[in-house]
Amino acid sequence: MSFTPELVAELDLLALFNLGNTQEGLKIHHTAAPQAIAAAKRLHAKGLLTQEDGGYLTSLGLDAAEHAQVLLTILNVTETA
């Protein structure tokens, strides 16, 4: 299994959620990049978002967003030697 462009778009969207405030959602407008619109629809179909155009994270979505954001943090650390 590898990261496809579709999965990367979904991870990008999950990384936008504010994990410090679960009452804060996202609205993906019809003028957004087509990849973001499609990613939101896929995440909704997978049960991670409450709405096709974003909305709030479900409990599964919250878990996924936490993991995605931790992974980004780990991968963005520059090595100190």
Protein backbone atom coordinates (compact mmCIF):
# COMPACT_ATOMS: atom_id res chain seq x y z
CA MET A 1 0.00 0.00 0.00
CA SER A 2 1.27 3.47 -0.82
CA PHE A 3 0.11 7.06 -0.50
CA THR A 4 -1.98 7.90 -3.55
CA PRO A 5 -2.76 11.51 -4.47
CA GLU A 6 -6.31 10.90 -3.18
CA LEU A 7 -5.06 9.72 0.22
CA VAL A 8 -2.67 12.66 0.44
CA ALA A 9 -5.58 15.04 -0.24
CA GLU A 10 -7.56 13.36 2.55
CA LEU A 11 -4.62 13.62 4.94
CA ASP A 12 -4.20 17.29 4.02
CA LEU A 13 -7.84 17.91 4.88
CA LEU A 14 -7.60 16.04 8.19
CA ALA A 15 -4.54 18.11 9.06
CA LEU A 16 -6.64 21.30 8.85
CA PHE A 17 -8.89 20.39 11.77
CA ASN A 18 -8.25 22.11 15.10
CA LEU A 19 -7.90 19.23 17.53
CA GLY A 20 -7.98 21.63 20.46
CA ASN A 21 -11.62 22.47 19.75
CA THR A 22 -13.81 19.63 18.49
CA GLN A 23 -16.73 22.07 18.11
CA GLU A 24 -14.83 23.78 15.29
CA GLY A 25 -15.52 22.25 11.89
CA LEU A 26 -14.56 22.94 8.30
CA LYS A 27 -16.62 24.13 5.37
CA ILE A 28 -15.31 23.16 1.94
CA HIS A 29 -16.83 25.69 -0.45
CA HIS A 30 -17.73 24.88 -4.03
CA THR A 31 -14.91 27.21 -5.12
CA ALA A 32 -12.27 25.15 -3.28
CA ALA A 33 -9.75 23.05 -5.17
CA PRO A 34 -11.43 20.05 -6.80
CA GLN A 35 -9.08 17.73 -4.87
CA ALA A 36 -10.29 19.17 -1.54
CA ILE A 37 -13.95 18.86 -2.53
CA ALA A 38 -13.46 15.25 -3.60
CA ALA A 39 -11.43 14.47 -0.45
CA ALA A 40 -14.22 15.80 1.78
CA LYS A 41 -16.77 13.64 -0.03
CA ARG A 42 -14.59 10.56 0.37
CA LEU A 43 -13.96 11.25 4.06
CA HIS A 44 -17.70 11.66 4.58
CA ALA A 45 -18.38 8.38 2.75
CA LYS A 46 -15.79 6.67 4.99
CA GLY A 47 -17.57 7.98 8.09
CA LEU A 48 -14.87 10.46 9.15
CA LEU A 49 -16.81 13.69 8.49
CA THR A 50 -20.40 14.58 9.32
CA GLN A 51 -21.09 16.33 6.01
CA GLU A 52 -20.01 15.90 2.38
CA ASP A 53 -18.67 19.46 2.39
CA GLY A 54 -16.77 19.11 5.65
CA GLY A 55 -18.68 19.68 8.82
CA TYR A 56 -17.28 18.12 11.97
CA LEU A 57 -15.11 15.13 12.66
CA THR A 58 -16.89 11.98 13.75
CA SER A 59 -15.28 9.96 16.52
CA LEU A 60 -13.46 7.89 13.88
CA GLY A 61 -12.52 11.11 12.09
CA LEU A 62 -11.09 12.55 15.29
CA ASP A 63 -8.88 9.46 15.69
CA ALA A 64 -7.76 9.73 12.06
CA ALA A 65 -7.04 13.47 12.33
CA GLU A 66 -5.01 12.93 15.50
CA HIS A 67 -2.92 10.23 13.80
CA ALA A 68 -2.49 12.31 10.64
CA GLN A 69 -1.34 15.35 12.59
CA VAL A 70 1.06 13.31 14.73
CA LEU A 71 2.52 11.75 11.59
CA LEU A 72 3.02 15.19 10.05
CA THR A 73 4.75 16.38 13.21
CA ILE A 74 7.08 13.39 13.22
CA LEU A 75 7.94 13.68 9.54
CA ASN A 76 8.46 17.44 9.68
CA VAL A 77 11.09 17.25 12.43
CA THR A 78 14.48 18.09 11.02
CA GLU A 79 17.28 15.85 12.07
CA THR A 80 19.87 17.29 14.41
CA ALA A 81 23.21 15.58 14.23
